């Protein structure tokens, strides 16, 4: 599908160099700075969570902070948390479109892999809703944010405006020599994941997404290599979190210069995330060297500190990676 003629003069500046994390939204006509009307597809988007939900929220807030008019399509289950977070300082150029499928279809969450079936159906319905809204709002561009996974398609190309797919990740593979550290459960999960990278990324739905994308933004070089070669020229690498080093959540008031560590300081490591085998947590102490442990297997010096997330609600499945 060709891009609408009214948008052909606008170019994305996602090119080379060492870009700032939000460079992908600085899409402006040559010689002039004009606010754009941007539609974001963010299945996950919550102000008080990390991971995928934080990615959706950060991108929406940061793009709006740059003066663009932003519309976000997200799940209706996110409405209360988003509206409560926006109440103190509502951003007039940031609007949300809440959408979910019927309770009957939400029953898919009860079945293995049902959350992914629901997600695909939601994406299709969200694209149809976006087409209806576009007829009135006339978006300048659309960007797929979450799921930030290169294995799952978007249908937002139906709008006929420039589409940025990503940033997405998930193309990383577990090195063969490290798979023993996953344990049996982790290996049973890792095998279908590696197979899906090959099968889903080259499927018809993903090829349609790649073909209609103006830009394909990935988080790592490994993921970029998983994109079919004919579409790889559209790709570039950029972090997904949506906040720059000097962004709204990292100012001089909230940072400090760390003093140099004493020569014989203990090594303290912090891990934040879900305690899943594929996160590689058991490999951390090994990478720090055997002297970390006594003969009994206990740490001889230093310490591990980790945070874990509580299990998500059944209707809000944990994102895959």
Protein backbone atom coordinates (compact mmCIF):
# COMPACT_ATOMS: atom_id res chain seq x y z
CA UNK A 1 0.00 0.00 0.00
CA UNK A 2 1.56 3.34 -1.02
CA UNK A 3 1.78 6.10 1.54
CA UNK A 4 -0.78 8.87 1.29
CA UNK A 5 0.44 11.65 -0.99
CA UNK A 6 -0.20 14.35 1.61
CA UNK A 7 2.54 12.86 3.77
CA UNK A 8 5.27 12.16 1.24
CA UNK A 9 7.15 15.37 2.04
CA UNK A 10 7.72 14.35 5.65
CA UNK A 11 10.81 12.30 6.40
CA UNK A 12 11.92 10.38 9.44
CA UNK A 13 15.38 11.38 10.59
CA UNK A 14 16.21 7.90 11.85
CA UNK A 15 19.55 7.74 10.14
CA UNK A 16 22.97 6.57 11.25
CA UNK A 17 25.12 8.10 13.94
CA UNK A 18 24.51 7.70 17.64
CA UNK A 19 20.91 8.95 18.02
CA UNK A 20 19.14 10.06 21.12
CA UNK A 21 16.43 7.64 22.29
CA UNK A 22 13.55 9.72 20.96
CA UNK A 23 15.02 10.72 17.64
CA UNK A 24 12.45 8.57 15.86
CA UNK A 25 9.68 11.08 16.46
CA UNK A 26 11.49 14.15 15.15
CA UNK A 27 9.81 13.92 11.78
CA UNK A 28 9.67 17.37 10.24
CA UNK A 29 9.50 18.86 6.75
CA UNK A 30 12.83 20.33 5.54
CA UNK A 31 13.43 23.87 6.82
CA UNK A 32 10.44 24.00 9.14
CA UNK A 33 9.36 22.66 12.50
CA UNK A 34 5.73 21.65 12.54
CA UNK A 35 3.94 19.74 15.32
CA UNK A 36 2.57 16.47 14.07
CA UNK A 37 -0.52 14.46 14.87
CA UNK A 38 0.82 11.07 15.95
CA UNK A 39 -1.03 7.84 16.68
CA UNK A 40 0.65 5.32 18.98
CA UNK A 41 -0.37 1.69 19.25
CA UNK A 42 0.47 0.66 22.81
CA UNK A 43 -1.24 -2.52 24.02
CA UNK A 44 0.77 -2.16 27.22
CA UNK A 45 0.75 1.37 28.64
CA UNK A 46 0.72 2.09 32.36
CA UNK A 47 2.32 4.86 34.43
CA UNK A 48 3.19 2.82 37.52
CA UNK A 49 4.79 -0.30 36.08
CA UNK A 50 8.00 -1.27 34.33
CA UNK A 51 8.79 -3.38 31.29
CA UNK A 52 6.38 -3.10 28.35
CA UNK A 53 3.89 -0.94 30.25
CA UNK A 54 6.58 1.65 31.00
CA UNK A 55 7.69 1.66 27.37
CA UNK A 56 4.19 2.54 26.17
CA UNK A 57 3.74 5.24 28.82
CA UNK A 58 7.18 6.81 28.35
CA UNK A 59 6.88 7.13 24.59
CA UNK A 60 3.44 8.70 24.84
CA UNK A 61 4.54 11.27 27.42
CA UNK A 62 7.85 12.11 25.76
CA UNK A 63 6.43 12.58 22.27
CA UNK A 64 3.69 14.83 23.66
CA UNK A 65 6.33 16.78 25.62
CA UNK A 66 7.97 17.67 22.31
CA UNK A 67 4.84 19.49 21.20
CA UNK A 68 3.27 16.85 19.00
CA UNK A 69 -0.41 15.97 19.33
CA UNK A 70 -0.50 12.35 20.47
CA UNK A 71 -3.30 9.79 20.42
CA UNK A 72 -2.67 6.44 22.11
CA UNK A 73 -4.70 3.30 21.48
CA UNK A 74 -4.36 1.00 24.49
CA UNK A 75 -6.36 -1.54 26.46
CA UNK A 76 -9.46 -0.45 28.35
CA UNK A 77 -8.14 -2.25 31.41
CA UNK A 78 -5.51 0.50 31.62
CA UNK A 79 -8.05 3.35 31.83
CA UNK A 80 -8.28 3.84 35.61
CA UNK A 81 -4.52 3.88 36.22
CA UNK A 82 -3.90 6.26 33.31
CA UNK A 83 -6.65 8.68 34.24
CA UNK A 84 -5.52 8.78 37.88
CA UNK A 85 -1.95 9.48 36.86
CA UNK A 86 -2.96 12.26 34.48
CA UNK A 87 -5.32 14.06 36.85
CA UNK A 88 -2.75 16.34 38.59
CA UNK A 89 -1.11 17.64 35.41
CA UNK A 90 -3.24 16.74 32.44
CA UNK A 91 -1.44 17.11 29.11
CA UNK A 92 -3.93 18.57 26.61
CA UNK A 93 -2.05 17.28 23.57
CA UNK A 94 -2.08 13.68 24.85
CA UNK A 95 -5.28 11.69 24.40
CA UNK A 96 -6.07 8.03 24.97
CA UNK A 97 -8.39 5.71 23.08
CA UNK A 98 -9.32 2.77 25.31
CA UNK A 99 -10.29 -0.43 23.58
CA UNK A 100 -10.79 -4.07 24.55
CA UNK A 101 -12.55 -7.07 23.10
CA UNK A 102 -15.64 -8.72 24.51
CA UNK A 103 -15.54 -10.80 27.73
CA UNK A 104 -16.17 -13.87 25.61
CA UNK A 105 -12.95 -13.33 23.67
CA UNK A 106 -11.09 -12.43 26.86
CA UNK A 107 -11.71 -16.01 27.94
CA UNK A 108 -8.69 -16.88 25.81
CA UNK A 109 -6.54 -15.76 28.75
CA UNK A 110 -7.52 -18.97 30.54
CA UNK A 111 -5.76 -21.16 27.99
CA UNK A 112 -2.06 -21.75 27.31
CA UNK A 113 -0.79 -19.13 24.87
CA UNK A 114 -4.29 -17.64 24.87
CA UNK A 115 -2.89 -14.24 25.77
CA UNK A 116 -1.06 -14.16 22.43
CA UNK A 117 -4.23 -15.12 20.54
CA UNK A 118 -6.06 -12.29 22.28
CA UNK A 119 -3.24 -9.88 21.47
CA UNK A 120 -3.41 -10.67 17.74
CA UNK A 121 -7.17 -10.23 17.72
CA UNK A 122 -6.85 -6.99 19.69
CA UNK A 123 -4.31 -5.62 17.22
CA UNK A 124 -6.66 -6.30 14.32
CA UNK A 125 -9.62 -4.65 16.07
CA UNK A 126 -7.46 -1.71 17.19
CA UNK A 127 -6.36 -1.09 13.60
CA UNK A 128 -9.98 -0.99 12.45
CA UNK A 129 -10.75 1.52 15.22
CA UNK A 130 -7.71 3.56 14.19
CA UNK A 131 -8.96 3.74 10.61
CA UNK A 132 -12.26 5.18 11.85
CA UNK A 133 -10.52 7.76 14.05
CA UNK A 134 -8.10 8.64 11.25
CA UNK A 135 -11.02 9.59 8.99
CA UNK A 136 -11.71 12.44 11.41
CA UNK A 137 -8.31 13.29 12.90
CA UNK A 138 -6.04 12.79 9.83
CA UNK A 139 -2.90 11.50 11.52
CA UNK A 140 0.50 12.40 10.11
CA UNK A 141 2.09 9.13 11.21
CA UNK A 142 1.52 6.03 13.31
CA UNK A 143 4.00 4.20 15.52
CA UNK A 144 3.72 0.70 16.95
CA UNK A 145 5.18 0.67 20.47
CA UNK A 146 3.98 -2.40 22.39
CA UNK A 147 4.29 -5.29 22.32
CA UNK A 148 7.90 -4.38 21.71
CA UNK A 149 8.51 -7.74 20.07
CA UNK A 150 9.60 -8.35 16.49
CA UNK A 151 7.67 -11.63 16.25
CA UNK A 152 4.19 -10.10 16.43
CA UNK A 153 2.64 -7.96 13.66
CA UNK A 154 0.80 -4.68 13.60
CA UNK A 155 -2.01 -3.79 11.23
CA UNK A 156 -1.69 -0.04 11.66
CA UNK A 157 -0.41 0.23 8.08
CA UNK A 158 -4.09 0.20 7.11
CA UNK A 159 -4.17 3.94 7.84
CA UNK A 160 -2.01 4.60 4.78
CA UNK A 161 0.32 7.02 6.61
CA UNK A 162 4.02 6.57 7.48
CA UNK A 163 4.41 3.68 9.93
CA UNK A 164 7.26 3.25 12.40
CA UNK A 165 7.40 -0.32 13.68
CA UNK A 166 9.18 -0.35 17.01
CA UNK A 167 11.46 -0.14 18.81
CA UNK A 168 11.05 -3.92 19.04
CA UNK A 169 13.35 -6.63 20.36
CA UNK A 170 13.36 -10.34 21.01
CA UNK A 171 15.79 -11.52 18.35
CA UNK A 172 18.55 -12.38 20.79
CA UNK A 173 19.57 -16.01 21.09
CA UNK A 174 21.01 -17.84 24.09
CA UNK A 175 24.62 -18.88 23.32
CA UNK A 176 24.90 -22.65 23.24
CA UNK A 177 27.50 -22.81 26.00
CA UNK A 178 25.24 -20.81 28.34
CA UNK A 179 22.08 -22.87 27.88
CA UNK A 180 23.13 -25.26 30.62
CA UNK A 181 22.61 -22.40 33.05
CA UNK A 182 18.92 -22.22 32.14
CA UNK A 183 18.01 -25.47 33.83
CA UNK A 184 15.50 -27.95 32.43
CA UNK A 185 12.51 -25.61 32.69
CA UNK A 186 14.42 -22.80 31.06
CA UNK A 187 15.60 -25.01 28.20
CA UNK A 188 12.05 -26.22 27.56
CA UNK A 189 11.01 -22.57 27.20
CA UNK A 190 14.07 -21.47 25.24
CA UNK A 191 13.72 -24.03 22.44
CA UNK A 192 10.27 -22.93 21.15
CA UNK A 193 11.35 -19.31 21.56
CA UNK A 194 14.32 -19.84 19.26
CA UNK A 195 12.15 -21.72 16.79
CA UNK A 196 9.54 -18.95 16.82
CA UNK A 197 12.23 -16.41 15.95
CA UNK A 198 12.75 -18.25 12.68
CA UNK A 199 9.16 -19.19 11.92
CA UNK A 200 7.15 -16.14 12.98
CA UNK A 201 9.58 -13.46 11.81
CA UNK A 202 9.35 -14.80 8.28
CA UNK A 203 5.59 -15.40 8.28
CA UNK A 204 3.08 -13.64 6.06
CA UNK A 205 1.77 -11.34 8.80
CA UNK A 206 5.25 -10.12 9.70
CA UNK A 207 6.22 -9.68 6.05
CA UNK A 208 3.16 -7.46 5.61
CA UNK A 209 4.24 -5.43 8.63
CA UNK A 210 7.80 -5.04 7.34
CA UNK A 211 6.67 -4.24 3.80
CA UNK A 212 4.33 -1.45 4.92
CA UNK A 213 6.70 0.04 7.50
CA UNK A 214 8.51 3.26 6.71
CA UNK A 215 11.01 2.48 9.47
CA UNK A 216 11.76 -0.73 11.39
CA UNK A 217 13.36 0.18 14.70
CA UNK A 218 15.00 -2.62 16.71
CA UNK A 219 16.73 -2.63 20.06
CA UNK A 220 19.76 -4.79 19.20
CA UNK A 221 21.88 -5.85 16.26
CA UNK A 222 20.76 -9.44 16.91
CA UNK A 223 17.15 -8.49 16.29
CA UNK A 224 18.10 -6.54 13.18
CA UNK A 225 19.73 -9.67 11.75
CA UNK A 226 16.46 -11.55 12.25
CA UNK A 227 14.59 -9.12 9.98
CA UNK A 228 14.33 -10.55 6.44
CA UNK A 229 17.16 -9.17 4.31
CA UNK A 230 14.93 -7.41 1.79
CA UNK A 231 13.49 -5.20 4.56
CA UNK A 232 16.67 -4.72 6.59
CA UNK A 233 17.57 -1.46 4.87
CA UNK A 234 14.59 0.12 6.66
CA UNK A 235 16.05 -0.82 10.02
CA UNK A 236 18.00 1.00 12.66
CA UNK A 237 18.95 0.31 16.26
CA UNK A 238 17.54 2.30 19.16
CA UNK A 239 16.75 1.61 22.80
CA UNK A 240 13.11 0.97 23.64
CA UNK A 241 12.56 2.60 27.03
CA UNK A 242 11.61 5.98 25.56
CA UNK A 243 13.56 8.21 27.93
CA UNK A 244 16.91 9.77 27.06
CA UNK A 245 19.87 10.16 29.36
CA UNK A 246 18.80 13.78 29.84
CA UNK A 247 15.09 13.04 29.60
CA UNK A 248 12.27 14.02 31.91
CA UNK A 249 13.03 11.26 34.38
CA UNK A 250 16.74 11.98 34.74
CA UNK A 251 17.63 15.55 35.64
CA UNK A 252 20.51 17.11 37.55
CA UNK A 253 18.32 17.18 40.64
CA UNK A 254 18.05 13.40 40.64
CA UNK A 255 21.58 12.35 39.75
CA UNK A 256 24.87 12.37 41.59
CA UNK A 257 28.49 11.60 40.85
CA UNK A 258 29.55 8.33 42.47
CA UNK A 259 32.81 8.46 44.43
CA UNK A 260 35.57 6.09 43.33
CA UNK A 261 35.23 2.65 44.87
CA UNK A 262 37.82 1.61 47.48
CA UNK A 263 40.43 -0.76 46.16
CA UNK A 264 39.15 -3.74 48.15
CA UNK A 265 35.45 -2.91 48.05
CA UNK A 266 32.87 -5.66 48.07
CA UNK A 267 31.09 -6.32 44.81
CA UNK A 268 27.36 -5.62 45.18
CA UNK A 269 25.12 -6.52 42.25
CA UNK A 270 21.53 -5.47 41.65
CA UNK A 271 19.02 -7.39 39.53
CA UNK A 272 15.54 -6.02 38.77
CA UNK A 273 13.10 -8.16 36.83
CA UNK A 274 11.05 -11.32 36.81
CA UNK A 275 12.86 -14.31 38.29
CA UNK A 276 12.63 -16.47 35.18
CA UNK A 277 15.24 -18.95 33.96
CA UNK A 278 15.84 -17.13 30.67
CA UNK A 279 16.81 -13.96 32.53
CA UNK A 280 20.11 -15.68 33.29
CA UNK A 281 20.26 -14.71 36.97
CA UNK A 282 22.20 -17.85 38.04
CA UNK A 283 24.93 -16.95 35.53
CA UNK A 284 25.64 -13.63 37.22
CA UNK A 285 27.69 -14.91 40.16
CA UNK A 286 29.58 -17.26 37.84
CA UNK A 287 30.53 -14.39 35.57
CA UNK A 288 31.99 -12.58 38.58
CA UNK A 289 34.39 -15.47 39.22
CA UNK A 290 34.60 -18.50 41.46
CA UNK A 291 36.17 -16.64 44.40
CA UNK A 292 32.69 -15.28 44.99
CA UNK A 293 31.76 -18.56 46.68
CA UNK A 294 32.97 -20.60 49.61
CA UNK A 295 33.24 -24.38 49.50
CA UNK A 296 29.69 -24.58 50.86
CA UNK A 297 28.39 -22.58 47.89
CA UNK A 298 27.65 -19.44 49.90
CA UNK A 299 28.93 -16.01 48.84
CA UNK A 300 32.34 -15.36 50.35
CA UNK A 301 32.11 -11.58 49.92
CA UNK A 302 29.76 -9.07 48.37
CA UNK A 303 26.07 -9.67 47.99
CA UNK A 304 23.21 -10.07 45.53
CA UNK A 305 20.14 -7.86 45.77
CA UNK A 306 17.18 -8.31 43.48
CA UNK A 307 13.67 -7.05 43.03
CA UNK A 308 10.93 -9.16 41.55
CA UNK A 309 7.58 -8.18 40.13
CA UNK A 310 4.35 -9.60 41.47
CA UNK A 311 2.28 -11.75 39.13
CA UNK A 312 0.09 -9.76 36.72
CA UNK A 313 -3.67 -10.07 36.63
CA UNK A 314 -5.10 -12.82 34.47
CA UNK A 315 -6.52 -10.26 32.05
CA UNK A 316 -3.16 -8.50 31.70
CA UNK A 317 -0.66 -11.21 30.74
CA UNK A 318 3.03 -10.78 31.33
CA UNK A 319 4.78 -9.72 28.13
CA UNK A 320 6.92 -12.28 26.36
CA UNK A 321 10.45 -11.52 25.26
